[in-house]
Amino acid sequence: MSLLTEVDALPAPRADRVAPHRYRVVAGRVLAVSEPGHWAFLSAPEYREYLAGLPDAHPRFDELRVKGFLAQYLDFDRLAADAMEGSLLSWEGSHRLVLTLARGRARMSPDTLREAVDFAFTIPGPAVCLELVAADPEAVWPLARFAAEYAARRSEWNGRRSRLWLRTPALPPARRADEYARVGLGLALVRDAAAAPGLGVAAARFSAAAAERAAPASRLVLTWSPKARSAPIWASALRAAGFGSALVSPEAPTTLAQVPAFAAFYAAFLDAAVSDGPPLREEWAAAALRRLPPEGGRPREERGGPLPGVDVSGELCAAPDGTLFASERGAASPDAQGGIGALGALGTTAWEELAAKEGVRALLAAAEGDHHPLCSQCAYKPACTVAPSRHLAAQGTYWGNLPLSPACGAQMAALDALFARLADDSLRESLLGWADSWSLL
C-alpha cells in the first residue's frame, strides 16, 4: 500500500483477508490498485471495512474477489504468471519504429529506408507501426511515399498489417491529401498548444481522404506549454478538421512548478473529448488504460504500444544514417553516439540480437519500478509510461525516480485527472472504450 497517500485512522490490514495492493485518494475516494493492475474505487468507510476483512455478504465482496483484492481467494498461480509477463524476462521487443528521414543536412537514403522497413517486419507482433519524422513534409515526400509503398508490398508478402504516419510540424499542401491516402500514409501533425490551432480546410482534406480510402486516420500531437490556449478550443478545432484523436503527452512540463497548469489543461481536454460531439480520443490516456488488465483495457497480450519515448519496450529509433537507438529521445541525448542507447545499425543488426545488448538490459532494468522506492509504492505503477530517457533528460540519470521528478509529477497529475473521471459512472464507459478503439494498430 502506498505510503505516499495515507488515509487517516486506517486499521491494520488483515493478512488473511487483504491481498497486496496500493492505494491513492482520487476525487474524494480511495483508488485501490492490485499488483497486476486491477483497480476499484472505494469510499473511505468501505476501504476501512475492506482492511478489517469484508464479510461475504458485503455489497462489494464479489467485485473485489474477482479483481484479486481478497487474500483468501487470491490465485497465486495467476499472480505469478502476471508478474512474469510483466517482468524483464518477458520483453517482446518494440512496437514502434521511428525513422528520422531528415535532420539538419542529413537525409536518409532510399537503401537505408528499405533496410528500416525490412527490419520492422522482423519484429514479432500483430502489426508493423512505422512513424516517419521530418520538419519539412514536402522535402521528404518522395522518401515517405517510397516507405509507404514498400511497406504495403511487404504486408502483402508477409500477411501482416502495417501502419505508417508522417509526423511533422508543418501541414502538407492540401493537394497531397489524396496521395497520402492512396499510399496508406497517415498524417501526424505536431502543434504547440500555445499557438492557434490553424488546422483549417487543408487538415480536413487529409482527414476526409484518409476516411474515404480507409487509410490511417490523421492524428494531432499536441505539445503543452505554459502559455497553452484553452483545451476546448483545441478539441473544437480537432473535431472541425475531422481528427479522431490527439496525443496530449505529460512529457512537456520540465519543472514541478509547471505541473498544476499542465494538469488543469489535461483535465479540461479530457472533459472536452468526452463531451457531446463527434468522437475524440486522447491517445496517451488510451495507452495508459491499455496497460491495465481487461476491466480497464485490453488483455495483457495486446497491451503496450507506440507511445513516444518509451525506451526499447515501446519504440526504437533510426537516425538518417541508419544507426539504431533505444528511443527517439535517447537518439537526441548528449551521450547517444556510442552510449548505451546506441544499439547498432540497420542492415547489420538483427532484432534477435537486441535482447543481449548492454543498452537494452540497462534500460529495461531502469524501467523496472520495483527498483525505486517511490515507484514500488505508487498506485499508478501498472499504468506508468515514464521512460528512463525522460529521467536522464530531467535528472541526469536513468536511475532514481526522484521525489522532485517532473516526469513523475506530470504523469501522476494526468492519471489523477483520468481516474477522477473513471470514478464518474457517466464517463467511465466512454473512457474505457478508448482502449478498445486504438487507431495505431
Protein backbone atom coordinates (compact mmCIF):
# COMPACT_ATOMS: atom_id res chain seq x y z
CA MET A 1 0.00 0.00 0.00
CA SER A 2 1.23 3.46 -0.80
CA LEU A 3 2.98 5.42 1.89
CA LEU A 4 2.60 8.48 -0.31
CA THR A 5 -1.18 8.73 0.03
CA GLU A 6 -2.11 7.59 3.51
CA VAL A 7 -5.70 7.78 4.68
CA ASP A 8 -6.04 8.76 8.33
CA ALA A 9 -7.10 6.28 11.01
CA LEU A 10 -6.77 3.11 8.96
CA PRO A 11 -6.97 -0.25 10.71
CA ALA A 12 -4.11 -2.69 10.26
CA PRO A 13 -4.96 -4.84 7.23
CA ARG A 14 -5.80 -8.48 7.93
CA ALA A 15 -3.16 -10.52 6.14
CA ASP A 16 -5.55 -13.44 5.67
CA ARG A 17 -8.24 -11.27 4.04
CA VAL A 18 -6.46 -8.39 2.29
CA ALA A 19 -4.37 -9.02 -0.83
CA PRO A 20 -1.30 -6.90 -1.65
CA HIS A 21 -2.29 -3.65 -3.31
CA ARG A 22 -1.53 0.06 -3.49
CA TYR A 23 -3.92 2.93 -2.91
CA ARG A 24 -4.32 6.62 -3.64
CA VAL A 25 -7.05 9.13 -2.78
CA VAL A 26 -8.65 10.38 -6.01
CA ALA A 27 -11.75 12.56 -6.27
CA GLY A 28 -12.52 12.03 -2.59
CA ARG A 29 -12.50 8.23 -2.90
CA VAL A 30 -9.86 5.57 -2.38
CA LEU A 31 -8.46 4.12 -5.59
CA ALA A 32 -7.12 0.63 -4.82
CA VAL A 33 -4.85 -0.97 -7.42
CA SER A 34 -3.70 -4.59 -7.30
CA GLU A 35 -0.23 -5.73 -8.31
CA PRO A 36 -1.33 -6.77 -11.85
CA GLY A 37 -3.26 -3.51 -12.28
CA HIS A 38 -6.89 -4.32 -11.44
CA TRP A 39 -8.50 -1.28 -9.84
CA ALA A 40 -11.53 -0.37 -7.78
CA PHE A 41 -12.90 2.80 -6.19
CA LEU A 42 -13.98 2.56 -2.55
CA SER A 43 -15.36 5.14 -0.19
CA ALA A 44 -13.24 5.78 2.91
CA PRO A 45 -15.64 3.73 5.12
CA GLU A 46 -15.65 0.89 2.56
CA TYR A 47 -11.85 0.89 2.46
CA ARG A 48 -11.65 0.64 6.25
CA GLU A 49 -14.14 -2.24 6.15
CA TYR A 50 -12.05 -3.90 3.47
CA LEU A 51 -8.85 -3.65 5.52
CA ALA A 52 -10.66 -5.10 8.52
CA GLY A 53 -11.91 -8.06 6.44
CA LEU A 54 -15.08 -7.93 4.36
CA PRO A 55 -17.90 -10.33 5.26
CA ASP A 56 -19.18 -12.47 2.41
CA ALA A 57 -22.47 -10.56 2.36
CA HIS A 58 -20.82 -7.17 1.77
CA PRO A 59 -22.08 -5.47 -1.45
CA ARG A 60 -18.52 -5.08 -2.80
CA PHE A 61 -17.36 -8.60 -1.85
CA ASP A 62 -17.87 -10.30 -5.23
CA GLU A 63 -16.32 -7.45 -7.21
CA LEU A 64 -13.19 -7.35 -5.03
CA ARG A 65 -12.91 -11.15 -5.08
CA VAL A 66 -12.98 -11.28 -8.88
CA LYS A 67 -10.43 -8.47 -9.13
CA GLY A 68 -8.00 -10.22 -6.80
CA PHE A 69 -8.23 -7.96 -3.75
CA LEU A 70 -9.21 -10.72 -1.28
CA ALA A 71 -6.29 -12.76 0.04
CA GLN A 72 -8.37 -15.85 0.82
CA TYR A 73 -9.38 -16.12 -2.87
CA LEU A 74 -6.10 -14.99 -4.41
CA ASP A 75 -4.95 -17.10 -7.35
CA PHE A 76 -1.23 -17.26 -6.65
CA ASP A 77 -0.51 -19.12 -9.90
CA ARG A 78 -2.21 -16.35 -11.88
CA LEU A 79 -0.43 -13.70 -9.82
CA ALA A 80 2.93 -15.35 -10.51
CA ALA A 81 2.12 -15.55 -14.21
CA ASP A 82 1.16 -11.86 -14.27
CA ALA A 83 4.40 -10.98 -12.53
CA MET A 84 6.41 -12.99 -15.05
CA GLU A 85 4.56 -11.49 -18.02
CA GLY A 86 5.38 -8.03 -16.72
CA SER A 87 8.99 -8.80 -15.82
CA LEU A 88 12.22 -8.06 -17.62
CA LEU A 89 12.37 -11.69 -18.76
CA SER A 90 9.30 -11.31 -20.96
CA TRP A 91 10.46 -8.46 -23.17
CA GLU A 92 8.80 -8.91 -26.56
CA GLY A 93 10.54 -6.15 -28.45
CA SER A 94 9.44 -2.76 -29.64
CA HIS A 95 6.00 -1.96 -31.01
CA ARG A 96 7.01 1.13 -32.98
CA LEU A 97 9.94 2.14 -35.16
CA VAL A 98 10.62 5.86 -35.56
CA LEU A 99 12.52 6.76 -38.74
CA THR A 100 14.15 10.18 -38.78
CA LEU A 101 14.07 10.92 -42.50
CA ALA A 102 15.93 14.22 -42.22
CA ARG A 103 17.87 16.03 -39.52
CA GLY A 104 19.72 19.19 -40.45
CA ARG A 105 21.56 18.45 -43.69
CA ALA A 106 21.47 14.69 -43.16
CA ARG A 107 18.84 12.73 -45.05
CA MET A 108 18.05 9.02 -45.02
CA SER A 109 18.87 7.25 -48.27
CA PRO A 110 16.34 5.00 -50.05
CA ASP A 111 18.55 1.97 -49.36
CA THR A 112 18.65 2.73 -45.63
CA LEU A 113 14.90 3.31 -45.65
CA ARG A 114 14.35 -0.06 -47.32
CA GLU A 115 16.53 -1.73 -44.66
CA ALA A 116 14.49 0.04 -41.97
CA VAL A 117 11.20 -1.32 -43.32
CA ASP A 118 12.72 -4.79 -43.66
CA PHE A 119 13.93 -4.58 -40.06
CA ALA A 120 10.49 -3.52 -38.82
CA PHE A 121 8.93 -6.62 -40.37
CA THR A 122 11.31 -8.86 -38.39
CA ILE A 123 9.90 -7.60 -35.08
CA PRO A 124 7.19 -10.01 -33.81
CA GLY A 125 3.72 -8.63 -33.33
CA PRO A 126 0.28 -8.36 -34.90
CA ALA A 127 1.18 -5.27 -36.93
CA VAL A 128 4.08 -3.11 -38.01
CA CYS A 129 3.96 0.52 -36.89
CA LEU A 130 6.33 2.98 -38.55
CA GLU A 131 6.47 6.69 -37.79
CA LEU A 132 8.43 8.83 -40.25
CA VAL A 133 9.71 12.12 -38.85
CA ALA A 134 10.67 15.27 -40.74
CA ALA A 135 10.34 19.02 -40.29
CA ASP A 136 9.51 19.67 -43.97
CA PRO A 137 6.96 17.18 -45.34
CA GLU A 138 7.40 18.31 -48.95
CA ALA A 139 11.17 17.84 -48.88
CA VAL A 140 10.82 14.20 -47.81
CA TRP A 141 7.65 13.33 -49.74
CA PRO A 142 9.46 11.01 -52.23
CA LEU A 143 11.04 9.11 -49.32
CA ALA A 144 7.77 8.93 -47.38
CA ARG A 145 5.88 7.68 -50.44
CA PHE A 146 8.54 5.04 -51.09
CA ALA A 147 8.37 3.84 -47.46
CA ALA A 148 4.57 3.55 -47.57
CA GLU A 149 4.52 1.71 -50.89
CA TYR A 150 7.32 -0.65 -49.92
CA ALA A 151 5.69 -1.41 -46.54
CA ALA A 152 2.41 -2.17 -48.34
CA ARG A 153 4.21 -4.70 -50.55
CA ARG A 154 5.89 -6.25 -47.52
CA SER A 155 2.47 -6.52 -45.85
CA GLU A 156 1.19 -8.47 -48.85
CA TRP A 157 4.20 -10.80 -48.81
CA ASN A 158 4.21 -11.36 -45.04
CA GLY A 159 0.49 -11.28 -44.34
CA ARG A 160 0.96 -8.65 -41.61
CA ARG A 161 -0.74 -5.30 -41.29
CA SER A 162 1.38 -2.18 -41.45
CA ARG A 163 0.56 1.37 -40.42
CA LEU A 164 2.65 4.40 -41.34
CA TRP A 165 2.45 8.05 -40.30
CA LEU A 166 4.48 11.08 -41.25
CA ARG A 167 4.97 13.19 -38.12
CA THR A 168 5.69 16.80 -38.94
CA PRO A 169 5.05 20.28 -37.53
CA ALA A 170 4.16 21.61 -40.99
CA LEU A 171 0.84 20.87 -42.65
CA PRO A 172 1.47 19.47 -46.16
CA PRO A 173 -0.31 21.13 -49.10
CA ALA A 174 -3.96 20.12 -49.42
CA ARG A 175 -3.23 18.71 -52.91
CA ARG A 176 -1.24 15.92 -51.25
CA ALA A 177 -4.22 14.60 -49.27
CA ASP A 178 -5.34 12.07 -51.89
CA GLU A 179 -1.75 10.94 -52.50
CA TYR A 180 -1.17 10.31 -48.78
CA ALA A 181 -4.39 8.30 -48.58
CA ARG A 182 -3.65 6.37 -51.79
CA VAL A 183 -0.32 5.04 -50.48
CA GLY A 184 -1.71 4.48 -46.96
CA LEU A 185 0.32 7.17 -45.22
CA GLY A 186 -1.28 8.88 -42.24
CA LEU A 187 -0.60 12.44 -41.13
CA ALA A 188 0.56 13.06 -37.55
CA LEU A 189 0.61 16.81 -37.13
CA VAL A 190 2.63 18.33 -34.28
CA ARG A 191 1.29 21.53 -32.75
CA ASP A 192 2.29 23.77 -29.84
CA ALA A 193 -0.76 24.25 -27.61
CA ALA A 194 0.17 27.92 -27.21
CA ALA A 195 -0.31 28.60 -30.93
CA ALA A 196 -3.56 29.00 -32.82
CA PRO A 197 -4.84 25.59 -34.00
CA GLY A 198 -4.55 26.60 -37.66
CA LEU A 199 -5.91 23.29 -38.96
CA GLY A 200 -8.47 24.61 -41.41
CA VAL A 201 -9.56 23.23 -44.77
CA ALA A 202 -6.25 21.53 -45.62
CA ALA A 203 -6.29 19.39 -42.47
CA ALA A 204 -9.93 18.50 -43.12
CA ARG A 205 -8.95 17.35 -46.64
CA PHE A 206 -6.42 14.91 -45.19
CA SER A 207 -8.98 13.54 -42.72
CA ALA A 208 -11.63 13.10 -45.40
CA ALA A 209 -9.24 11.42 -47.84
CA ALA A 210 -8.00 9.00 -45.17
CA ALA A 211 -11.55 8.06 -44.22
CA GLU A 212 -12.56 7.55 -47.86
CA ARG A 213 -9.69 5.16 -48.58
CA ALA A 214 -9.53 3.52 -45.12
CA ALA A 215 -6.01 4.90 -44.68
CA PRO A 216 -4.53 5.64 -41.23
CA ALA A 217 -6.53 8.43 -39.63
CA SER A 218 -4.98 11.85 -39.12
CA ARG A 219 -3.66 12.47 -35.62
CA LEU A 220 -2.53 15.50 -33.66
CA VAL A 221 0.44 15.51 -31.31
CA LEU A 222 -0.32 18.44 -29.01
CA THR A 223 2.64 19.80 -27.05
CA TRP A 224 1.59 21.63 -23.90
CA SER A 225 3.37 24.82 -22.87
CA PRO A 226 2.78 27.30 -20.02
CA LYS A 227 1.02 29.69 -22.44
CA ALA A 228 -1.26 26.99 -23.86
CA ARG A 229 -4.60 28.07 -25.26
CA SER A 230 -7.89 26.77 -23.88
CA ALA A 231 -8.23 23.00 -24.20
CA PRO A 232 -11.85 23.21 -25.50
CA ILE A 233 -10.60 25.43 -28.36
CA TRP A 234 -8.26 22.65 -29.43
CA ALA A 235 -10.94 19.99 -29.10
CA SER A 236 -13.31 22.04 -31.26
CA ALA A 237 -10.62 22.58 -33.90
CA LEU A 238 -9.82 18.87 -33.99
CA ARG A 239 -13.45 17.93 -34.49
CA ALA A 240 -13.91 20.57 -37.18
CA ALA A 241 -10.90 19.18 -39.07
CA GLY A 242 -12.16 15.61 -38.78
CA PHE A 243 -9.35 14.42 -36.49
CA GLY A 244 -10.43 11.49 -34.34
CA SER A 245 -7.61 11.56 -31.83
CA ALA A 246 -4.89 13.64 -30.21
CA LEU A 247 -1.91 12.83 -28.07
CA VAL A 248 -1.51 15.23 -25.14
CA SER A 249 1.55 13.71 -23.54
CA PRO A 250 2.51 14.61 -19.95
CA GLU A 251 6.13 14.92 -21.07
CA ALA A 252 6.04 18.67 -21.69
CA PRO A 253 6.38 20.00 -18.10
CA THR A 254 10.07 20.39 -17.26
CA THR A 255 9.65 21.56 -13.66
CA LEU A 256 7.29 20.66 -10.83
CA ALA A 257 6.08 24.27 -10.83
CA GLN A 258 4.56 23.69 -14.28
CA VAL A 259 2.67 20.55 -13.29
CA PRO A 260 -0.51 22.19 -11.87
CA ALA A 261 -1.05 24.22 -15.06
CA PHE A 262 -0.49 21.16 -17.23
CA ALA A 263 -2.87 19.13 -15.05
CA ALA A 264 -5.61 21.74 -15.47
CA PHE A 265 -5.15 21.76 -19.26
CA TYR A 266 -5.14 17.97 -19.45
CA ALA A 267 -8.27 17.63 -17.31
CA ALA A 268 -10.06 20.23 -19.45
CA PHE A 269 -9.04 18.39 -22.63
CA LEU A 270 -10.41 15.10 -21.26
CA ASP A 271 -13.70 16.80 -20.43
CA ALA A 272 -13.89 18.33 -23.91
CA ALA A 273 -13.03 14.99 -25.54
CA VAL A 274 -15.88 13.12 -23.83
CA SER A 275 -18.41 15.91 -24.24
CA ASP A 276 -21.16 15.83 -26.84
CA GLY A 277 -19.88 15.87 -30.40
CA PRO A 278 -18.00 13.65 -32.86
CA PRO A 279 -15.83 11.01 -31.14
CA LEU A 280 -12.46 12.32 -29.97
CA ARG A 281 -9.89 10.16 -28.20
CA GLU A 282 -6.86 11.20 -26.15
CA GLU A 283 -4.22 8.64 -27.08
CA TRP A 284 -1.99 8.88 -24.02
CA ALA A 285 -4.94 8.07 -21.74
CA ALA A 286 -5.96 5.23 -24.07
CA ALA A 287 -2.45 3.74 -23.91
CA ALA A 288 -2.32 4.05 -20.11
CA LEU A 289 -5.65 2.21 -19.82
CA ARG A 290 -4.43 -0.42 -22.25
CA ARG A 291 -1.59 -1.30 -19.88
CA LEU A 292 -4.15 -2.41 -17.28
CA PRO A 293 -5.99 -5.77 -17.16
CA PRO A 294 -9.20 -6.37 -19.12
CA GLU A 295 -11.67 -4.44 -16.98
CA GLY A 296 -9.55 -1.34 -17.55
CA GLY A 297 -8.34 -2.03 -21.08
CA ARG A 298 -7.34 -4.80 -23.44
CA PRO A 299 -6.00 -8.19 -22.31
CA ARG A 300 -2.34 -8.25 -21.34
CA GLU A 301 -1.12 -9.90 -24.54
CA GLU A 302 -2.45 -6.95 -26.56
CA ARG A 303 -1.17 -4.24 -24.24
CA GLY A 304 1.70 -1.86 -24.71
CA GLY A 305 2.26 0.09 -27.85
CA PRO A 306 3.67 3.14 -29.54
CA LEU A 307 3.93 5.98 -27.07
CA PRO A 308 6.70 8.49 -27.69
CA GLY A 309 9.84 7.93 -25.67
CA VAL A 310 9.11 4.54 -24.13
CA ASP A 311 12.67 3.22 -24.43
CA VAL A 312 13.06 -0.16 -26.11
CA SER A 313 9.94 -1.67 -24.56
CA GLY A 314 7.83 0.62 -26.72
CA GLU A 315 9.92 2.01 -29.53
CA LEU A 316 13.16 2.06 -31.45
CA CYS A 317 14.51 4.96 -33.45
CA ALA A 318 16.68 5.03 -36.57
CA ALA A 319 18.78 8.09 -37.39
CA PRO A 320 19.22 9.25 -41.01
CA ASP A 321 22.50 7.30 -41.24
CA GLY A 322 20.78 4.09 -40.12
CA THR A 323 22.04 3.98 -36.54
CA LEU A 324 19.53 2.30 -34.21
CA PHE A 325 18.74 3.89 -30.86
CA ALA A 326 16.70 2.76 -27.88
CA SER A 327 14.23 5.61 -28.32
CA GLU A 328 13.74 8.87 -30.17
CA ARG A 329 14.66 10.89 -27.10
CA GLY A 330 17.61 8.62 -26.50
CA ALA A 331 18.88 9.37 -30.00
CA ALA A 332 18.88 13.07 -29.17
CA SER A 333 20.61 12.75 -25.78
CA PRO A 334 24.19 14.02 -25.37
CA ASP A 335 25.61 10.53 -24.83
CA ALA A 336 23.71 8.96 -27.73
CA GLN A 337 26.66 8.36 -30.04
CA GLY A 338 28.47 5.37 -28.64
CA GLY A 339 26.41 5.41 -25.43
CA ILE A 340 24.27 2.58 -24.11
CA GLY A 341 21.31 3.92 -26.11
CA ALA A 342 23.08 3.14 -29.41
CA LEU A 343 22.12 -0.41 -30.37
CA GLY A 344 23.77 -0.96 -33.74
CA ALA A 345 22.94 -0.17 -37.34
CA LEU A 346 20.26 -1.11 -39.83
CA GLY A 347 21.44 -3.80 -42.19
CA THR A 348 23.96 -5.26 -39.74
CA THR A 349 21.94 -5.62 -36.52
CA ALA A 350 19.21 -8.24 -36.25
CA TRP A 351 16.21 -7.77 -34.00
CA GLU A 352 17.04 -11.06 -32.24
CA GLU A 353 20.37 -9.57 -31.13
CA LEU A 354 18.84 -6.63 -29.28
CA ALA A 355 17.92 -8.53 -26.12
CA ALA A 356 21.63 -9.20 -25.49
CA LYS A 357 22.65 -5.55 -25.93
CA GLU A 358 24.01 -3.81 -22.86
CA GLY A 359 21.81 -0.80 -23.54
CA VAL A 360 18.61 -2.85 -23.72
CA ARG A 361 19.38 -4.63 -20.48
CA ALA A 362 20.26 -1.38 -18.70
CA LEU A 363 17.14 0.42 -19.90
CA LEU A 364 14.82 -2.45 -19.03
CA ALA A 365 16.37 -2.66 -15.57
CA ALA A 366 15.99 1.10 -15.14
CA ALA A 367 12.34 0.85 -16.22
CA GLU A 368 11.53 -1.78 -13.57
CA GLY A 369 9.80 0.32 -10.95
CA ASP A 370 10.40 -2.08 -8.07
CA HIS A 371 13.98 -0.81 -8.00
CA HIS A 372 12.77 2.65 -6.97
CA PRO A 373 11.14 3.22 -3.55
CA LEU A 374 8.68 5.80 -4.85
CA CYS A 375 7.66 3.61 -7.79
CA SER A 376 7.23 0.48 -5.71
CA GLN A 377 4.69 2.35 -3.56
CA CYS A 378 2.88 4.16 -6.37
CA ALA A 379 -0.71 3.19 -7.12
CA TYR A 380 -0.16 4.09 -10.76
CA LYS A 381 2.82 1.78 -11.29
CA PRO A 382 0.91 -0.70 -13.53
CA ALA A 383 -0.11 2.13 -15.89
CA CYS A 384 3.19 4.03 -15.82
CA THR A 385 4.75 5.15 -19.10
CA VAL A 386 7.65 7.28 -17.80
CA ALA A 387 10.70 6.25 -19.81
CA PRO A 388 14.24 6.02 -18.40
CA SER A 389 15.40 8.51 -21.05
CA ARG A 390 12.94 11.03 -19.58
CA HIS A 391 14.63 10.66 -16.22
CA LEU A 392 18.01 11.06 -17.90
CA ALA A 393 16.87 14.31 -19.50
CA ALA A 394 15.29 15.67 -16.32
CA GLN A 395 17.65 14.35 -13.66
CA GLY A 396 20.88 13.35 -15.39
CA THR A 397 20.49 9.65 -14.60
CA TYR A 398 18.45 6.71 -15.86
CA TRP A 399 18.04 5.62 -12.26
CA GLY A 400 16.03 7.07 -9.44
CA ASN A 401 12.54 8.39 -9.94
CA LEU A 402 13.41 11.16 -7.53
CA PRO A 403 10.87 12.93 -5.26
CA LEU A 404 11.20 16.11 -7.32
CA SER A 405 10.91 14.42 -10.71
CA PRO A 406 8.77 16.50 -13.11
CA ALA A 407 8.29 13.33 -15.16
CA CYS A 408 6.55 11.56 -12.29
CA GLY A 409 4.70 14.67 -11.15
CA ALA A 410 3.18 15.35 -14.57
CA GLN A 411 2.22 11.74 -15.21
CA MET A 412 0.63 11.30 -11.78
CA ALA A 413 -1.32 14.53 -12.34
CA ALA A 414 -2.56 13.24 -15.71
CA LEU A 415 -3.54 9.88 -14.21
CA ASP A 416 -5.29 11.66 -11.33
CA ALA A 417 -7.37 13.53 -13.92
CA LEU A 418 -8.09 10.33 -15.84
CA PHE A 419 -9.07 8.23 -12.83
CA ALA A 420 -11.14 11.03 -11.34
CA ARG A 421 -13.27 10.75 -14.46
CA LEU A 422 -13.27 6.96 -14.35
CA ALA A 423 -14.86 7.33 -10.91
CA ASP A 424 -17.80 9.05 -12.64
CA ASP A 425 -20.29 6.42 -13.82
CA SER A 426 -21.46 8.65 -16.67
CA LEU A 427 -17.95 8.92 -18.16
CA ARG A 428 -16.42 5.52 -17.39
CA GLU A 429 -17.64 3.55 -20.40
CA SER A 430 -16.66 6.27 -22.85
CA LEU A 431 -13.14 6.43 -21.44
CA LEU A 432 -12.67 2.66 -21.29
CA GLY A 433 -13.85 2.49 -24.88
CA TRP A 434 -10.74 4.43 -25.90
CA ALA A 435 -8.60 1.40 -25.04
CA ASP A 436 -10.57 -0.75 -27.49
CA SER A 437 -10.64 1.65 -30.44
CA TRP A 438 -7.00 2.36 -30.98
CA SER A 439 -6.16 3.63 -34.45
CA LEU A 440 -2.42 2.95 -34.27
CA LEU A 441 -2.60 -0.81 -34.84
